[in-house]
Amino acid sequence: MDRQQMTLSLVRVLQEWDPFEVGSENYEPEIADAVLAVSDSKDVQSLARRLKEIYEFSFDEPLDFQACLAVAEKLIMIRTNTSCTL
């Protein structure tokens, strides 16, 4: 999987996640920030914390850390699988 495919896979996972139940099309800025956060995060926990910050800042509502952790695990798995094949 190349970097472009990885980005598309990350976006797909994030589009499927609708933590505030407002429709997946309402998260474009958050998805862009989250994709960048995947590259910057050292591990699943730090990515989950960053996802929580991104989405809570935008929607001004609390978000369950465990939900963020589950998504972060999927995103890190995609990143790891991509870096193994490069």
N, C-alpha and C. Protein backbone atom coordinates (compact mmCIF):
# COMPACT_ATOMS: atom_id res chain seq x y z
N MET A 1 0.85 -1.18 0.00
CA MET A 1 0.00 0.00 0.00
C MET A 1 0.90 1.24 0.00
N ASP A 2 0.67 2.14 -0.95
CA ASP A 2 1.47 3.36 -0.98
C ASP A 2 0.81 4.43 -0.11
N ARG A 3 1.45 5.59 -0.01
CA ARG A 3 0.98 6.65 0.87
C ARG A 3 -0.42 7.15 0.48
N GLN A 4 -0.69 7.26 -0.80
CA GLN A 4 -2.01 7.71 -1.25
C GLN A 4 -3.10 6.71 -0.84
N GLN A 5 -2.82 5.44 -1.02
CA GLN A 5 -3.78 4.41 -0.62
C GLN A 5 -3.97 4.42 0.89
N MET A 6 -2.87 4.65 1.63
CA MET A 6 -2.96 4.72 3.08
C MET A 6 -3.89 5.86 3.49
N THR A 7 -3.70 7.02 2.88
CA THR A 7 -4.53 8.19 3.20
C THR A 7 -5.99 7.90 2.92
N LEU A 8 -6.26 7.28 1.79
CA LEU A 8 -7.65 6.94 1.45
C LEU A 8 -8.24 5.95 2.46
N SER A 9 -7.44 5.01 2.90
CA SER A 9 -7.90 4.05 3.91
C SER A 9 -8.17 4.74 5.24
N LEU A 10 -7.30 5.66 5.63
CA LEU A 10 -7.51 6.41 6.87
C LEU A 10 -8.80 7.22 6.79
N VAL A 11 -8.99 7.90 5.67
CA VAL A 11 -10.19 8.72 5.48
C VAL A 11 -11.44 7.85 5.54
N ARG A 12 -11.38 6.68 4.93
CA ARG A 12 -12.53 5.77 4.93
C ARG A 12 -12.93 5.38 6.36
N VAL A 13 -11.94 5.04 7.17
CA VAL A 13 -12.22 4.67 8.57
C VAL A 13 -12.84 5.85 9.31
N LEU A 14 -12.28 7.03 9.10
CA LEU A 14 -12.78 8.22 9.80
C LEU A 14 -14.17 8.63 9.31
N GLN A 15 -14.45 8.41 8.03
CA GLN A 15 -15.79 8.72 7.51
C GLN A 15 -16.85 7.78 8.08
N GLU A 16 -16.45 6.57 8.38
CA GLU A 16 -17.39 5.60 8.96
C GLU A 16 -17.70 5.91 10.42
N TRP A 17 -16.82 6.67 11.06
CA TRP A 17 -16.98 7.01 12.47
C TRP A 17 -17.84 8.26 12.57
N ASP A 18 -18.92 8.18 13.28
CA ASP A 18 -19.83 9.32 13.46
C ASP A 18 -20.07 9.50 14.96
N PRO A 19 -19.06 9.98 15.70
CA PRO A 19 -19.14 9.99 17.16
C PRO A 19 -20.24 10.87 17.74
N PHE A 20 -20.65 11.90 17.02
CA PHE A 20 -21.70 12.79 17.52
C PHE A 20 -23.02 12.61 16.78
N GLU A 21 -23.08 11.58 15.94
CA GLU A 21 -24.30 11.22 15.20
C GLU A 21 -24.90 12.42 14.45
N VAL A 22 -24.02 13.09 13.68
CA VAL A 22 -24.46 14.24 12.87
C VAL A 22 -24.33 13.96 11.38
N GLY A 23 -23.95 12.74 11.03
CA GLY A 23 -23.75 12.38 9.63
C GLY A 23 -22.29 12.50 9.24
N SER A 24 -21.80 11.50 8.58
CA SER A 24 -20.36 11.43 8.27
C SER A 24 -19.87 12.58 7.40
N GLU A 25 -20.75 13.20 6.65
CA GLU A 25 -20.33 14.31 5.78
C GLU A 25 -20.03 15.59 6.55
N ASN A 26 -20.29 15.60 7.85
CA ASN A 26 -20.09 16.80 8.67
C ASN A 26 -18.77 16.81 9.43
N TYR A 27 -17.81 16.00 9.02
CA TYR A 27 -16.54 15.90 9.74
C TYR A 27 -15.32 16.20 8.87
N GLU A 28 -15.48 16.86 7.76
CA GLU A 28 -14.35 17.05 6.85
C GLU A 28 -13.13 17.71 7.51
N PRO A 29 -13.28 18.83 8.24
CA PRO A 29 -12.09 19.43 8.86
C PRO A 29 -11.45 18.51 9.91
N GLU A 30 -12.30 17.82 10.66
CA GLU A 30 -11.79 16.91 11.69
C GLU A 30 -11.04 15.74 11.06
N ILE A 31 -11.56 15.23 9.95
CA ILE A 31 -10.90 14.12 9.26
C ILE A 31 -9.53 14.56 8.75
N ALA A 32 -9.46 15.75 8.18
CA ALA A 32 -8.17 16.25 7.69
C ALA A 32 -7.17 16.36 8.84
N ASP A 33 -7.61 16.91 9.97
CA ASP A 33 -6.73 17.03 11.13
C ASP A 33 -6.34 15.65 11.68
N ALA A 34 -7.29 14.73 11.68
CA ALA A 34 -7.03 13.39 12.21
C ALA A 34 -6.02 12.64 11.34
N VAL A 35 -6.11 12.78 10.02
CA VAL A 35 -5.15 12.13 9.13
C VAL A 35 -3.74 12.65 9.41
N LEU A 36 -3.61 13.94 9.62
CA LEU A 36 -2.30 14.51 9.97
C LEU A 36 -1.83 13.98 11.32
N ALA A 37 -2.74 13.84 12.25
CA ALA A 37 -2.39 13.35 13.58
C ALA A 37 -1.85 11.92 13.54
N VAL A 38 -2.31 11.13 12.60
CA VAL A 38 -1.81 9.75 12.49
C VAL A 38 -0.31 9.75 12.24
N SER A 39 0.15 10.64 11.39
CA SER A 39 1.59 10.73 11.09
C SER A 39 2.39 11.22 12.28
N ASP A 40 1.79 12.12 13.06
CA ASP A 40 2.50 12.74 14.18
C ASP A 40 2.49 11.92 15.45
N SER A 41 1.59 10.97 15.57
CA SER A 41 1.41 10.23 16.81
C SER A 41 2.39 9.07 16.89
N LYS A 42 2.93 8.90 18.09
CA LYS A 42 3.91 7.83 18.31
C LYS A 42 3.25 6.49 18.63
N ASP A 43 2.04 6.54 19.21
CA ASP A 43 1.38 5.30 19.60
C ASP A 43 -0.13 5.49 19.61
N VAL A 44 -0.84 4.41 19.90
CA VAL A 44 -2.30 4.42 19.87
C VAL A 44 -2.87 5.38 20.92
N GLN A 45 -2.31 5.36 22.11
CA GLN A 45 -2.82 6.21 23.19
C GLN A 45 -2.71 7.69 22.83
N SER A 46 -1.57 8.10 22.30
CA SER A 46 -1.40 9.51 21.96
C SER A 46 -2.31 9.91 20.80
N LEU A 47 -2.51 9.01 19.85
CA LEU A 47 -3.44 9.30 18.75
C LEU A 47 -4.86 9.41 19.28
N ALA A 48 -5.26 8.53 20.17
CA ALA A 48 -6.60 8.59 20.75
C ALA A 48 -6.82 9.91 21.48
N ARG A 49 -5.83 10.35 22.24
CA ARG A 49 -5.94 11.64 22.93
C ARG A 49 -6.09 12.78 21.93
N ARG A 50 -5.32 12.72 20.84
CA ARG A 50 -5.38 13.77 19.82
C ARG A 50 -6.74 13.77 19.11
N LEU A 51 -7.26 12.60 18.78
CA LEU A 51 -8.59 12.51 18.17
C LEU A 51 -9.65 13.12 19.09
N LYS A 52 -9.55 12.79 20.36
CA LYS A 52 -10.48 13.34 21.35
C LYS A 52 -10.42 14.86 21.35
N GLU A 53 -9.21 15.42 21.33
CA GLU A 53 -9.03 16.88 21.31
C GLU A 53 -9.63 17.50 20.05
N ILE A 54 -9.34 16.91 18.92
CA ILE A 54 -9.81 17.44 17.63
C ILE A 54 -11.33 17.50 17.58
N TYR A 55 -11.97 16.39 17.90
CA TYR A 55 -13.42 16.31 17.77
C TYR A 55 -14.14 17.11 18.87
N GLU A 56 -13.60 17.08 20.09
CA GLU A 56 -14.23 17.84 21.16
C GLU A 56 -14.11 19.35 20.91
N PHE A 57 -12.98 19.78 20.39
CA PHE A 57 -12.80 21.20 20.09
C PHE A 57 -13.83 21.67 19.06
N SER A 58 -14.02 20.88 18.02
CA SER A 58 -14.94 21.27 16.96
C SER A 58 -16.40 21.26 17.39
N PHE A 59 -16.78 20.28 18.19
CA PHE A 59 -18.19 20.11 18.53
C PHE A 59 -18.54 20.57 19.94
N ASP A 60 -17.53 20.95 20.71
CA ASP A 60 -17.73 21.46 22.06
C ASP A 60 -18.60 20.52 22.90
N GLU A 61 -18.33 19.23 22.73
CA GLU A 61 -19.02 18.18 23.49
C GLU A 61 -18.00 17.14 23.90
N PRO A 62 -18.19 16.52 25.06
CA PRO A 62 -17.26 15.47 25.48
C PRO A 62 -17.39 14.23 24.60
N LEU A 63 -16.29 13.53 24.46
CA LEU A 63 -16.25 12.32 23.65
C LEU A 63 -15.59 11.23 24.46
N ASP A 64 -16.16 10.06 24.43
CA ASP A 64 -15.65 8.91 25.18
C ASP A 64 -14.26 8.53 24.69
N PHE A 65 -13.30 8.44 25.61
CA PHE A 65 -11.93 8.10 25.23
C PHE A 65 -11.85 6.70 24.62
N GLN A 66 -12.65 5.77 25.10
CA GLN A 66 -12.61 4.40 24.58
C GLN A 66 -13.02 4.35 23.11
N ALA A 67 -13.96 5.20 22.73
CA ALA A 67 -14.37 5.28 21.32
C ALA A 67 -13.21 5.80 20.48
N CYS A 68 -12.51 6.79 21.00
CA CYS A 68 -11.35 7.34 20.29
C CYS A 68 -10.24 6.30 20.19
N LEU A 69 -10.07 5.55 21.25
CA LEU A 69 -9.04 4.51 21.28
C LEU A 69 -9.31 3.43 20.24
N ALA A 70 -10.56 3.04 20.09
CA ALA A 70 -10.92 2.01 19.10
C ALA A 70 -10.60 2.49 17.69
N VAL A 71 -10.92 3.74 17.38
CA VAL A 71 -10.62 4.29 16.05
C VAL A 71 -9.12 4.45 15.88
N ALA A 72 -8.44 4.91 16.91
CA ALA A 72 -6.99 5.09 16.85
C ALA A 72 -6.28 3.76 16.55
N GLU A 73 -6.78 2.69 17.12
CA GLU A 73 -6.18 1.37 16.87
C GLU A 73 -6.29 1.00 15.39
N LYS A 74 -7.43 1.26 14.80
CA LYS A 74 -7.62 0.97 13.36
C LYS A 74 -6.67 1.83 12.52
N LEU A 75 -6.56 3.10 12.88
CA LEU A 75 -5.72 4.02 12.11
C LEU A 75 -4.25 3.65 12.21
N ILE A 76 -3.80 3.32 13.41
CA ILE A 76 -2.40 2.92 13.60
C ILE A 76 -2.12 1.62 12.86
N MET A 77 -3.08 0.72 12.83
CA MET A 77 -2.90 -0.54 12.10
C MET A 77 -2.69 -0.26 10.61
N ILE A 78 -3.47 0.65 10.06
CA ILE A 78 -3.31 1.02 8.65
C ILE A 78 -1.92 1.62 8.43
N ARG A 79 -1.51 2.53 9.31
CA ARG A 79 -0.19 3.16 9.18
C ARG A 79 0.93 2.11 9.28
N THR A 80 0.81 1.21 10.21
CA THR A 80 1.82 0.18 10.41
C THR A 80 1.91 -0.73 9.21
N ASN A 81 0.78 -1.14 8.69
CA ASN A 81 0.77 -2.02 7.51
C ASN A 81 1.36 -1.33 6.30
N THR A 82 1.16 -0.02 6.19
CA THR A 82 1.72 0.73 5.08
C THR A 82 3.22 0.84 5.21
N SER A 83 3.69 1.17 6.41
CA SER A 83 5.14 1.35 6.58
C SER A 83 5.90 0.04 6.44
N CYS A 84 5.23 -1.07 6.69
CA CYS A 84 5.89 -2.37 6.52
C CYS A 84 6.09 -2.73 5.07
N THR A 85 5.25 -2.16 4.20
CA THR A 85 5.35 -2.53 2.80
C THR A 85 6.14 -1.52 1.98
N LEU A 86 6.52 -0.39 2.58
CA LEU A 86 7.28 0.61 1.83
C LEU A 86 8.74 0.24 1.72
